[in-house]
């Protein structure tokens, strides 16, 4: 089996999947896609490095940081924080009290 035959396998897979421009697909395309999918379901950077044999965690960290899992997790945290902020803001009777509270919170940090 020669390298030309092997490189055609990726093109054939892309054809079978009815992807646009199948001639542009390589094994790297499928490797990267599977790494992104693993990150989307919660794989850690170290798991990706171990599985794909990468030498550094840079690529793995990028996959994880931009994954659906990470984005949904961050959105959930922000939404939860928004609920807390809304509850806190209803405790005050005036905007002046809110400002004083905000200043105190900053100073406490």
PDB file of N, CA and C in Angstrom:
ATOM      1  N   UNK A   1       0.860  -1.169   0.000  1.00  0.00           N
ATOM      2  CA  UNK A   1       0.000   0.000   0.000  1.00  0.00           C
ATOM      3  C   UNK A   1       0.906   1.232   0.000  1.00  0.00           C
ATOM      4  N   UNK A   2       0.819   2.033  -1.029  1.00  0.00           N
ATOM      5  CA  UNK A   2       1.654   3.222  -1.162  1.00  0.00           C
ATOM      6  C   UNK A   2       1.024   4.455  -0.538  1.00  0.00           C
ATOM      7  N   UNK A   3       1.831   5.530  -0.421  1.00  0.00           N
ATOM      8  CA  UNK A   3       1.328   6.753   0.221  1.00  0.00           C
ATOM      9  C   UNK A   3       0.216   7.410  -0.589  1.00  0.00           C
ATOM     10  N   UNK A   4       0.225   7.260  -1.912  1.00  0.00           N
ATOM     11  CA  UNK A   4      -0.845   7.837  -2.728  1.00  0.00           C
ATOM     12  C   UNK A   4      -2.170   7.143  -2.462  1.00  0.00           C
ATOM     13  N   UNK A   5      -2.100   5.823  -2.272  1.00  0.00           N
ATOM     14  CA  UNK A   5      -3.321   5.074  -1.973  1.00  0.00           C
ATOM     15  C   UNK A   5      -3.885   5.516  -0.620  1.00  0.00           C
ATOM     16  N   UNK A   6      -3.005   5.620   0.371  1.00  0.00           N
ATOM     17  CA  UNK A   6      -3.441   6.002   1.712  1.00  0.00           C
ATOM     18  C   UNK A   6      -4.033   7.407   1.709  1.00  0.00           C
ATOM     19  N   UNK A   7      -3.420   8.333   0.996  1.00  0.00           N
ATOM     20  CA  UNK A   7      -3.955   9.697   0.988  1.00  0.00           C
ATOM     21  C   UNK A   7      -5.324   9.764   0.317  1.00  0.00           C
ATOM     22  N   UNK A   8      -5.603   8.820  -0.577  1.00  0.00           N
ATOM     23  CA  UNK A   8      -6.914   8.789  -1.228  1.00  0.00           C
ATOM     24  C   UNK A   8      -8.018   8.303  -0.293  1.00  0.00           C
ATOM     25  N   UNK A   9      -7.663   7.594   0.753  1.00  0.00           N
ATOM     26  CA  UNK A   9      -8.678   7.081   1.680  1.00  0.00           C
ATOM     27  C   UNK A   9      -9.453   8.242   2.299  1.00  0.00           C
ATOM     28  N   UNK A  10      -8.756   9.283   2.703  1.00  0.00           N
ATOM     29  CA  UNK A  10      -9.442  10.435   3.295  1.00  0.00           C
ATOM     30  C   UNK A  10     -10.399  11.080   2.296  1.00  0.00           C
ATOM     31  N   UNK A  11      -9.987  11.139   1.050  1.00  0.00           N
ATOM     32  CA  UNK A  11     -10.858  11.712   0.011  1.00  0.00           C
ATOM     33  C   UNK A  11     -12.099  10.841  -0.171  1.00  0.00           C
ATOM     34  N   UNK A  12     -11.896   9.517  -0.152  1.00  0.00           N
ATOM     35  CA  UNK A  12     -13.025   8.600  -0.314  1.00  0.00           C
ATOM     36  C   UNK A  12     -14.007   8.701   0.855  1.00  0.00           C
ATOM     37  N   UNK A  13     -13.475   8.822   2.061  1.00  0.00           N
ATOM     38  CA  UNK A  13     -14.341   8.977   3.237  1.00  0.00           C
ATOM     39  C   UNK A  13     -15.155  10.261   3.113  1.00  0.00           C
ATOM     40  N   UNK A  14     -14.497  11.334   2.719  1.00  0.00           N
ATOM     41  CA  UNK A  14     -15.199  12.606   2.534  1.00  0.00           C
ATOM     42  C   UNK A  14     -16.278  12.473   1.457  1.00  0.00           C
ATOM     43  N   UNK A  15     -15.986  11.725   0.397  1.00  0.00           N
ATOM     44  CA  UNK A  15     -16.997  11.458  -0.644  1.00  0.00           C
ATOM     45  C   UNK A  15     -18.177  10.698  -0.071  1.00  0.00           C
ATOM     46  N   UNK A  16     -17.903   9.654   0.696  1.00  0.00           N
ATOM     47  CA  UNK A  16     -18.977   8.843   1.281  1.00  0.00           C
ATOM     48  C   UNK A  16     -19.845   9.666   2.226  1.00  0.00           C
ATOM     49  N   UNK A  17     -19.223  10.611   2.916  1.00  0.00           N
ATOM     50  CA  UNK A  17     -19.956  11.473   3.842  1.00  0.00           C
ATOM     51  C   UNK A  17     -20.621  12.653   3.132  1.00  0.00           C
ATOM     52  N   UNK A  18     -20.407  12.709   1.811  1.00  0.00           N
ATOM     53  CA  UNK A  18     -20.959  13.771   0.969  1.00  0.00           C
ATOM     54  C   UNK A  18     -20.543  15.168   1.446  1.00  0.00           C
ATOM     55  N   UNK A  19     -19.269  15.287   1.825  1.00  0.00           N
ATOM     56  CA  UNK A  19     -18.725  16.567   2.241  1.00  0.00           C
ATOM     57  C   UNK A  19     -18.328  17.369   1.006  1.00  0.00           C
ATOM     58  N   UNK A  20     -18.399  18.686   1.120  1.00  0.00           N
ATOM     59  CA  UNK A  20     -17.988  19.537  -0.002  1.00  0.00           C
ATOM     60  C   UNK A  20     -16.474  19.454  -0.191  1.00  0.00           C
ATOM     61  N   UNK A  21     -16.038  19.531  -1.421  1.00  0.00           N
ATOM     62  CA  UNK A  21     -14.612  19.509  -1.772  1.00  0.00           C
ATOM     63  C   UNK A  21     -13.856  18.346  -1.130  1.00  0.00           C
ATOM     64  N   UNK A  22     -14.268  17.120  -1.396  1.00  0.00           N
ATOM     65  CA  UNK A  22     -13.636  15.958  -0.751  1.00  0.00           C
ATOM     66  C   UNK A  22     -12.137  15.847  -1.026  1.00  0.00           C
ATOM     67  N   UNK A  23     -11.689  16.417  -2.116  1.00  0.00           N
ATOM     68  CA  UNK A  23     -10.266  16.340  -2.456  1.00  0.00           C
ATOM     69  C   UNK A  23      -9.390  17.134  -1.488  1.00  0.00           C
ATOM     70  N   UNK A  24      -9.994  17.995  -0.703  1.00  0.00           N
ATOM     71  CA  UNK A  24      -9.207  18.808   0.232  1.00  0.00           C
ATOM     72  C   UNK A  24      -9.008  18.118   1.586  1.00  0.00           C
ATOM     73  N   UNK A  25      -9.691  16.993   1.816  1.00  0.00           N
ATOM     74  CA  UNK A  25      -9.598  16.328   3.110  1.00  0.00           C
ATOM     75  C   UNK A  25      -8.363  15.437   3.193  1.00  0.00           C
ATOM     76  N   UNK A  26      -7.752  15.458   4.385  1.00  0.00           N
ATOM     77  CA  UNK A  26      -6.590  14.626   4.673  1.00  0.00           C
ATOM     78  C   UNK A  26      -6.868  13.876   5.974  1.00  0.00           C
ATOM     79  N   UNK A  27      -5.968  12.979   6.332  1.00  0.00           N
ATOM     80  CA  UNK A  27      -6.133  12.298   7.610  1.00  0.00           C
ATOM     81  C   UNK A  27      -6.077  13.296   8.758  1.00  0.00           C
ATOM     82  N   UNK A  28      -5.305  14.352   8.595  1.00  0.00           N
ATOM     83  CA  UNK A  28      -5.229  15.380   9.637  1.00  0.00           C
ATOM     84  C   UNK A  28      -6.599  15.989   9.879  1.00  0.00           C
ATOM     85  N   UNK A  29      -7.381  16.194   8.820  1.00  0.00           N
ATOM     86  CA  UNK A  29      -8.723  16.765   8.963  1.00  0.00           C
ATOM     87  C   UNK A  29      -9.574  15.916   9.898  1.00  0.00           C
ATOM     88  N   UNK A  30      -9.515  14.596   9.707  1.00  0.00           N
ATOM     89  CA  UNK A  30     -10.328  13.708  10.530  1.00  0.00           C
ATOM     90  C   UNK A  30      -9.780  13.608  11.948  1.00  0.00           C
ATOM     91  N   UNK A  31      -8.449  13.661  12.081  1.00  0.00           N
ATOM     92  CA  UNK A  31      -7.828  13.628  13.401  1.00  0.00           C
ATOM     93  C   UNK A  31      -8.255  14.858  14.202  1.00  0.00           C
ATOM     94  N   UNK A  32      -8.192  16.024  13.573  1.00  0.00           N
ATOM     95  CA  UNK A  32      -8.570  17.258  14.254  1.00  0.00           C
ATOM     96  C   UNK A  32     -10.059  17.258  14.601  1.00  0.00           C
ATOM     97  N   UNK A  33     -10.879  16.770  13.686  1.00  0.00           N
ATOM     98  CA  UNK A  33     -12.323  16.710  13.952  1.00  0.00           C
ATOM     99  C   UNK A  33     -12.634  15.797  15.129  1.00  0.00           C
ATOM    100  N   UNK A  34     -11.959  14.659  15.181  1.00  0.00           N
ATOM    101  CA  UNK A  34     -12.227  13.739  16.291  1.00  0.00           C
ATOM    102  C   UNK A  34     -11.721  14.322  17.610  1.00  0.00           C
ATOM    103  N   UNK A  35     -10.612  15.059  17.583  1.00  0.00           N
ATOM    104  CA  UNK A  35     -10.117  15.711  18.800  1.00  0.00           C
ATOM    105  C   UNK A  35     -11.119  16.761  19.275  1.00  0.00           C
ATOM    106  N   UNK A  36     -11.678  17.524  18.343  1.00  0.00           N
ATOM    107  CA  UNK A  36     -12.686  18.523  18.699  1.00  0.00           C
ATOM    108  C   UNK A  36     -13.927  17.858  19.288  1.00  0.00           C
ATOM    109  N   UNK A  37     -14.336  16.737  18.723  1.00  0.00           N
ATOM    110  CA  UNK A  37     -15.503  16.023  19.253  1.00  0.00           C
ATOM    111  C   UNK A  37     -15.232  15.491  20.650  1.00  0.00           C
ATOM    112  N   UNK A  38     -14.013  14.977  20.870  1.00  0.00           N
ATOM    113  CA  UNK A  38     -13.654  14.485  22.205  1.00  0.00           C
ATOM    114  C   UNK A  38     -13.705  15.629  23.216  1.00  0.00           C
ATOM    115  N   UNK A  39     -13.199  16.784  22.828  1.00  0.00           N
ATOM    116  CA  UNK A  39     -13.236  17.951  23.716  1.00  0.00           C
ATOM    117  C   UNK A  39     -14.677  18.390  23.967  1.00  0.00           C
ATOM    118  N   UNK A  40     -15.524  18.288  22.948  1.00  0.00           N
ATOM    119  CA  UNK A  40     -16.937  18.674  23.087  1.00  0.00           C
ATOM    120  C   UNK A  40     -17.669  17.842  24.136  1.00  0.00           C
ATOM    121  N   UNK A  41     -17.225  16.618  24.350  1.00  0.00           N
ATOM    122  CA  UNK A  41     -17.902  15.776  25.348  1.00  0.00           C
ATOM    123  C   UNK A  41     -17.163  15.742  26.679  1.00  0.00           C
ATOM    124  N   UNK A  42     -16.146  16.618  26.810  1.00  0.00           N
ATOM    125  CA  UNK A  42     -15.525  16.784  28.110  1.00  0.00           C
ATOM    126  C   UNK A  42     -14.124  16.223  28.288  1.00  0.00           C
ATOM    127  N   UNK A  43     -13.459  15.805  27.223  1.00  0.00           N
ATOM    128  CA  UNK A  43     -12.088  15.309  27.354  1.00  0.00           C
ATOM    129  C   UNK A  43     -11.172  16.433  27.843  1.00  0.00           C
ATOM    130  N   UNK A  44     -10.203  16.070  28.665  1.00  0.00           N
ATOM    131  CA  UNK A  44      -9.258  17.052  29.192  1.00  0.00           C
ATOM    132  C   UNK A  44      -8.089  17.205  28.224  1.00  0.00           C
ATOM    133  N   UNK A  45      -7.341  18.306  28.339  1.00  0.00           N
ATOM    134  CA  UNK A  45      -6.158  18.462  27.480  1.00  0.00           C
ATOM    135  C   UNK A  45      -5.181  17.288  27.614  1.00  0.00           C
ATOM    136  N   UNK A  46      -4.984  16.813  28.845  1.00  0.00           N
ATOM    137  CA  UNK A  46      -4.048  15.704  29.039  1.00  0.00           C
ATOM    138  C   UNK A  46      -4.551  14.422  28.359  1.00  0.00           C
ATOM    139  N   UNK A  47      -5.842  14.179  28.402  1.00  0.00           N
ATOM    140  CA  UNK A  47      -6.400  13.010  27.713  1.00  0.00           C
ATOM    141  C   UNK A  47      -6.172  13.113  26.205  1.00  0.00           C
ATOM    142  N   UNK A  48      -6.347  14.304  25.657  1.00  0.00           N
ATOM    143  CA  UNK A  48      -6.125  14.488  24.222  1.00  0.00           C
ATOM    144  C   UNK A  48      -4.651  14.280  23.867  1.00  0.00           C
ATOM    145  N   UNK A  49      -3.758  14.830  24.672  1.00  0.00           N
ATOM    146  CA  UNK A  49      -2.321  14.659  24.428  1.00  0.00           C
ATOM    147  C   UNK A  49      -1.962  13.176  24.453  1.00  0.00           C
ATOM    148  N   UNK A  50      -2.460  12.471  25.451  1.00  0.00           N
ATOM    149  CA  UNK A  50      -2.153  11.046  25.578  1.00  0.00           C
ATOM    150  C   UNK A  50      -2.707  10.245  24.398  1.00  0.00           C
ATOM    151  N   UNK A  51      -3.927  10.524  24.014  1.00  0.00           N
ATOM    152  CA  UNK A  51      -4.568   9.744  22.957  1.00  0.00           C
ATOM    153  C   UNK A  51      -3.982  10.035  21.575  1.00  0.00           C
ATOM    154  N   UNK A  52      -3.767  11.321  21.273  1.00  0.00           N
ATOM    155  CA  UNK A  52      -3.301  11.696  19.940  1.00  0.00           C
ATOM    156  C   UNK A  52      -1.781  11.742  19.821  1.00  0.00           C
ATOM    157  N   UNK A  53      -1.083  11.608  20.938  1.00  0.00           N
ATOM    158  CA  UNK A  53       0.369  11.575  20.902  1.00  0.00           C
ATOM    159  C   UNK A  53       1.013  12.917  20.627  1.00  0.00           C
ATOM    160  N   UNK A  54       0.313  13.995  20.964  1.00  0.00           N
ATOM    161  CA  UNK A  54       0.890  15.316  20.770  1.00  0.00           C
ATOM    162  C   UNK A  54       2.014  15.537  21.767  1.00  0.00           C
ATOM    163  N   UNK A  55       2.999  16.329  21.385  1.00  0.00           N
ATOM    164  CA  UNK A  55       4.151  16.578  22.255  1.00  0.00           C
ATOM    165  C   UNK A  55       3.871  17.649  23.297  1.00  0.00           C
ATOM    166  N   UNK A  56       2.992  18.576  22.980  1.00  0.00           N
ATOM    167  CA  UNK A  56       2.659  19.621  23.951  1.00  0.00           C
ATOM    168  C   UNK A  56       1.148  19.687  24.113  1.00  0.00           C
ATOM    169  N   UNK A  57       0.737  20.436  25.100  1.00  0.00           N
ATOM    170  CA  UNK A  57      -0.703  20.567  25.352  1.00  0.00           C
ATOM    171  C   UNK A  57      -1.328  21.756  24.625  1.00  0.00           C
ATOM    172  N   UNK A  58      -0.539  22.487  23.834  1.00  0.00           N
ATOM    173  CA  UNK A  58      -1.059  23.699  23.184  1.00  0.00           C
ATOM    174  C   UNK A  58      -2.272  23.403  22.297  1.00  0.00           C
ATOM    175  N   UNK A  59      -2.155  22.429  21.407  1.00  0.00           N
ATOM    176  CA  UNK A  59      -3.267  22.089  20.512  1.00  0.00           C
ATOM    177  C   UNK A  59      -4.441  21.530  21.315  1.00  0.00           C
ATOM    178  N   UNK A  60      -4.127  20.687  22.284  1.00  0.00           N
ATOM    179  CA  UNK A  60      -5.180  20.101  23.114  1.00  0.00           C
ATOM    180  C   UNK A  60      -5.924  21.185  23.890  1.00  0.00           C
ATOM    181  N   UNK A  61      -5.186  22.141  24.424  1.00  0.00           N
ATOM    182  CA  UNK A  61      -5.814  23.217  25.187  1.00  0.00           C
ATOM    183  C   UNK A  61      -6.712  24.063  24.296  1.00  0.00           C
ATOM    184  N   UNK A  62      -6.289  24.290  23.060  1.00  0.00           N
ATOM    185  CA  UNK A  62      -7.123  25.048  22.124  1.00  0.00           C
ATOM    186  C   UNK A  62      -8.420  24.299  21.837  1.00  0.00           C
ATOM    187  N   UNK A  63      -8.316  22.979  21.619  1.00  0.00           N
ATOM    188  CA  UNK A  63      -9.524  22.172  21.372  1.00  0.00           C
ATOM    189  C   UNK A  63     -10.484  22.267  22.555  1.00  0.00           C
ATOM    190  N   UNK A  64      -9.944  22.155  23.757  1.00  0.00           N
ATOM    191  CA  UNK A  64     -10.778  22.172  24.962  1.00  0.00           C
ATOM    192  C   UNK A  64     -11.362  23.565  25.205  1.00  0.00           C
ATOM    193  N   UNK A  65     -10.549  24.594  25.040  1.00  0.00           N
ATOM    194  CA  UNK A  65     -11.007  25.959  25.313  1.00  0.00           C
ATOM    195  C   UNK A  65     -12.126  26.409  24.383  1.00  0.00           C
ATOM    196  N   UNK A  66     -12.130  25.910  23.164  1.00  0.00           N
ATOM    197  CA  UNK A  66     -13.142  26.315  22.190  1.00  0.00           C
ATOM    198  C   UNK A  66     -14.236  25.270  22.012  1.00  0.00           C
ATOM    199  N   UNK A  67     -14.246  24.251  22.865  1.00  0.00           N
ATOM    200  CA  UNK A  67     -15.221  23.173  22.728  1.00  0.00           C
ATOM    201  C   UNK A  67     -16.614  23.619  23.165  1.00  0.00           C
ATOM    202  N   UNK A  68     -17.613  22.912  22.691  1.00  0.00           N
ATOM    203  CA  UNK A  68     -18.990  23.193  23.104  1.00  0.00           C
ATOM    204  C   UNK A  68     -19.138  23.016  24.614  1.00  0.00           C
ATOM    205  N   UNK A  69     -18.455  22.005  25.138  1.00  0.00           N
ATOM    206  CA  UNK A  69     -18.496  21.723  26.574  1.00  0.00           C
ATOM    207  C   UNK A  69     -18.014  22.942  27.361  1.00  0.00           C
ATOM    208  N   UNK A  70     -16.866  23.508  26.965  1.00  0.00           N
ATOM    209  CA  UNK A  70     -16.306  24.661  27.666  1.00  0.00           C
ATOM    210  C   UNK A  70     -17.196  25.888  27.515  1.00  0.00           C
ATOM    211  N   UNK A  71     -17.698  26.106  26.302  1.00  0.00           N
ATOM    212  CA  UNK A  71     -18.550  27.276  26.068  1.00  0.00           C
ATOM    213  C   UNK A  71     -19.856  27.179  26.851  1.00  0.00           C
ATOM    214  N   UNK A  72     -20.463  25.983  26.869  1.00  0.00           N
ATOM    215  CA  UNK A  72     -21.707  25.805  27.618  1.00  0.00           C
ATOM    216  C   UNK A  72     -21.466  25.919  29.115  1.00  0.00           C
ATOM    217  N   UNK A  73     -20.336  25.410  29.569  1.00  0.00           N
ATOM    218  CA  UNK A  73     -19.988  25.518  30.982  1.00  0.00           C
ATOM    219  C   UNK A  73     -19.819  26.974  31.387  1.00  0.00           C
ATOM    220  N   UNK A  74     -19.100  27.735  30.575  1.00  0.00           N
ATOM    221  CA  UNK A  74     -18.898  29.150  30.874  1.00  0.00           C
ATOM    222  C   UNK A  74     -20.218  29.907  30.821  1.00  0.00           C
ATOM    223  N   UNK A  75     -21.051  29.614  29.833  1.00  0.00           N
ATOM    224  CA  UNK A  75     -22.353  30.281  29.726  1.00  0.00           C
ATOM    225  C   UNK A  75     -23.211  29.982  30.956  1.00  0.00           C
ATOM    226  N   UNK A  76     -23.159  28.753  31.418  1.00  0.00           N
ATOM    227  CA  UNK A  76     -23.912  28.364  32.604  1.00  0.00           C
ATOM    228  C   UNK A  76     -23.433  29.131  33.835  1.00  0.00           C
ATOM    229  N   UNK A  77     -22.111  29.245  33.965  1.00  0.00           N
ATOM    230  CA  UNK A  77     -21.562  29.990  35.104  1.00  0.00           C
ATOM    231  C   UNK A  77     -21.961  31.458  35.041  1.00  0.00           C
ATOM    232  N   UNK A  78     -21.910  32.029  33.852  1.00  0.00           N
ATOM    233  CA  UNK A  78     -22.293  33.435  33.703  1.00  0.00           C
ATOM    234  C   UNK A  78     -23.780  33.637  33.988  1.00  0.00           C
ATOM    235  N   UNK A  79     -24.608  32.698  33.537  1.00  0.00           N
ATOM    236  CA  UNK A  79     -26.049  32.791  33.788  1.00  0.00           C
ATOM    237  C   UNK A  79     -26.329  32.683  35.282  1.00  0.00           C
ATOM    238  N   UNK A  80     -25.625  31.778  35.950  1.00  0.00           N
ATOM    239  CA  UNK A  80     -25.791  31.624  37.396  1.00  0.00           C
ATOM    240  C   UNK A  80     -25.354  32.904  38.120  1.00  0.00           C
ATOM    241  N   UNK A  81     -24.268  33.484  37.684  1.00  0.00           N
ATOM    242  CA  UNK A  81     -23.777  34.736  38.261  1.00  0.00           C
ATOM    243  C   UNK A  81     -24.793  35.854  38.051  1.00  0.00           C
ATOM    244  N   UNK A  82     -25.413  35.886  36.878  1.00  0.00           N
ATOM    245  CA  UNK A  82     -26.425  36.902  36.574  1.00  0.00           C
ATOM    246  C   UNK A  82     -27.592  36.791  37.549  1.00  0.00           C
ATOM    247  N   UNK A  83     -27.990  35.567  37.890  1.00  0.00           N
ATOM    248  CA  UNK A  83     -29.085  35.368  38.846  1.00  0.00           C
ATOM    249  C   UNK A  83     -28.695  35.912  40.218  1.00  0.00           C
ATOM    250  N   UNK A  84     -27.463  35.677  40.620  1.00  0.00           N
ATOM    251  CA  UNK A  84     -26.979  36.170  41.907  1.00  0.00           C
ATOM    252  C   UNK A  84     -26.971  37.690  41.910  1.00  0.00           C
ATOM    253  N   UNK A  85     -26.495  38.292  40.829  1.00  0.00           N
ATOM    254  CA  UNK A  85     -26.454  39.752  40.723  1.00  0.00           C
ATOM    255  C   UNK A  85     -27.860  40.321  40.776  1.00  0.00           C
ATOM    256  N   UNK A  86     -28.811  39.685  40.096  1.00  0.00           N
ATOM    257  CA  UNK A  86     -30.195  40.165  40.122  1.00  0.00           C
ATOM    258  C   UNK A  86     -30.768  40.105  41.532  1.00  0.00           C
ATOM    259  N   UNK A  87     -30.485  39.014  42.262  1.00  0.00           N
ATOM    260  CA  UNK A  87     -30.976  38.896  43.634  1.00  0.00           C
ATOM    261  C   UNK A  87     -30.379  39.991  44.508  1.00  0.00           C
ATOM    262  N   UNK A  88     -29.088  40.224  44.339  1.00  0.00           N
ATOM    263  CA  UNK A  88     -28.407  41.252  45.122  1.00  0.00           C
ATOM    264  C   UNK A  88     -28.975  42.634  44.831  1.00  0.00           C
ATOM    265  N   UNK A  89     -29.262  42.901  43.569  1.00  0.00           N
ATOM    266  CA  UNK A  89     -29.740  44.239  43.210  1.00  0.00           C
ATOM    267  C   UNK A  89     -31.146  44.504  43.732  1.00  0.00           C
ATOM    268  N   UNK A  90     -31.940  43.476  43.980  1.00  0.00           N
ATOM    269  CA  UNK A  90     -33.290  43.697  44.513  1.00  0.00           C
ATOM    270  C   UNK A  90     -33.267  43.991  46.006  1.00  0.00           C
ATOM    271  N   UNK A  91     -32.138  43.777  46.662  1.00  0.00           N
ATOM    272  CA  UNK A  91     -32.018  44.057  48.091  1.00  0.00           C
ATOM    273  C   UNK A  91     -31.940  45.559  48.376  1.00  0.00           C
ATOM    274  N   UNK A  92     -31.575  46.346  47.380  1.00  0.00           N
ATOM    275  CA  UNK A  92     -31.353  47.771  47.599  1.00  0.00           C
ATOM    276  C   UNK A  92     -32.564  48.576  47.172  1.00  0.00           C
ATOM    277  N   UNK A  93     -32.800  49.647  47.911  1.00  0.00           N
ATOM    278  CA  UNK A  93     -33.947  50.482  47.579  1.00  0.00           C
ATOM    279  C   UNK A  93     -33.585  51.621  46.637  1.00  0.00           C
ATOM    280  N   UNK A  94     -32.309  51.911  46.497  1.00  0.00           N
ATOM    281  CA  UNK A  94     -31.928  52.998  45.594  1.00  0.00           C
ATOM    282  C   UNK A  94     -30.638  52.644  44.873  1.00  0.00           C
ATOM    283  N   UNK A  95     -30.395  53.340  43.769  1.00  0.00           N
ATOM    284  CA  UNK A  95     -29.179  53.089  43.009  1.00  0.00           C
ATOM    285  C   UNK A  95     -27.948  53.513  43.800  1.00  0.00           C
ATOM    286  N   UNK A  96     -28.115  54.461  44.725  1.00  0.00           N
ATOM    287  CA  UNK A  96     -26.995  54.909  45.559  1.00  0.00           C
ATOM    288  C   UNK A  96     -26.508  53.754  46.443  1.00  0.00           C
ATOM    289  N   UNK A  97     -27.440  52.981  46.994  1.00  0.00           N
ATOM    290  CA  UNK A  97     -27.061  51.844  47.832  1.00  0.00           C
ATOM    291  C   UNK A  97     -26.340  50.779  47.001  1.00  0.00           C
ATOM    292  N   UNK A  98     -26.771  50.585  45.762  1.00  0.00           N
ATOM    293  CA  UNK A  98     -26.120  49.626  44.874  1.00  0.00           C
ATOM    294  C   UNK A  98     -24.694  50.061  44.612  1.00  0.00           C
ATOM    295  N   UNK A  99     -24.497  51.355  44.341  1.00  0.00           N
ATOM    296  CA  UNK A  99     -23.150  51.872  44.092  1.00  0.00           C
ATOM    297  C   UNK A  99     -22.264  51.671  45.310  1.00  0.00           C
ATOM    298  N   UNK A 100     -22.776  51.972  46.509  1.00  0.00           N
ATOM    299  CA  UNK A 100     -21.997  51.796  47.733  1.00  0.00           C
ATOM    300  C   UNK A 100     -21.605  50.332  47.908  1.00  0.00           C
ATOM    301  N   UNK A 101     -22.534  49.424  47.635  1.00  0.00           N
ATOM    302  CA  UNK A 101     -22.252  48.000  47.765  1.00  0.00           C
ATOM    303  C   UNK A 101     -21.186  47.564  46.785  1.00  0.00           C
ATOM    304  N   UNK A 102     -21.269  48.049  45.549  1.00  0.00           N
ATOM    305  CA  UNK A 102     -20.283  47.705  44.529  1.00  0.00           C
ATOM    306  C   UNK A 102     -18.903  48.178  44.934  1.00  0.00           C
ATOM    307  N   UNK A 103     -18.840  49.370  45.482  1.00  0.00           N
ATOM    308  CA  UNK A 103     -17.555  49.914  45.915  1.00  0.00           C
ATOM    309  C   UNK A 103     -16.997  49.065  47.051  1.00  0.00           C
ATOM    310  N   UNK A 104     -17.847  48.683  47.977  1.00  0.00           N
ATOM    311  CA  UNK A 104     -17.387  47.840  49.103  1.00  0.00           C
ATOM    312  C   UNK A 104     -16.884  46.497  48.596  1.00  0.00           C
ATOM    313  N   UNK A 105     -17.560  45.909  47.637  1.00  0.00           N
ATOM    314  CA  UNK A 105     -17.134  44.605  47.117  1.00  0.00           C
ATOM    315  C   UNK A 105     -15.773  44.725  46.451  1.00  0.00           C
ATOM    316  N   UNK A 106     -15.541  45.793  45.738  1.00  0.00           N
ATOM    317  CA  UNK A 106     -14.256  45.983  45.072  1.00  0.00           C
ATOM    318  C   UNK A 106     -13.161  46.168  46.111  1.00  0.00           C
ATOM    319  N   UNK A 107     -13.450  46.957  47.142  1.00  0.00           N
ATOM    320  CA  UNK A 107     -12.452  47.213  48.164  1.00  0.00           C
ATOM    321  C   UNK A 107     -12.127  45.969  48.968  1.00  0.00           C
ATOM    322  N   UNK A 108     -13.099  45.078  49.143  1.00  0.00           N
ATOM    323  CA  UNK A 108     -12.874  43.850  49.899  1.00  0.00           C
ATOM    324  C   UNK A 108     -11.921  42.916  49.165  1.00  0.00           C
ATOM    325  N   UNK A 109     -11.926  42.951  47.853  1.00  0.00           N
ATOM    326  CA  UNK A 109     -11.074  42.071  47.062  1.00  0.00           C
ATOM    327  C   UNK A 109      -9.673  42.497  47.206  1.00  0.00           C
TER     328      UNK A 109
END
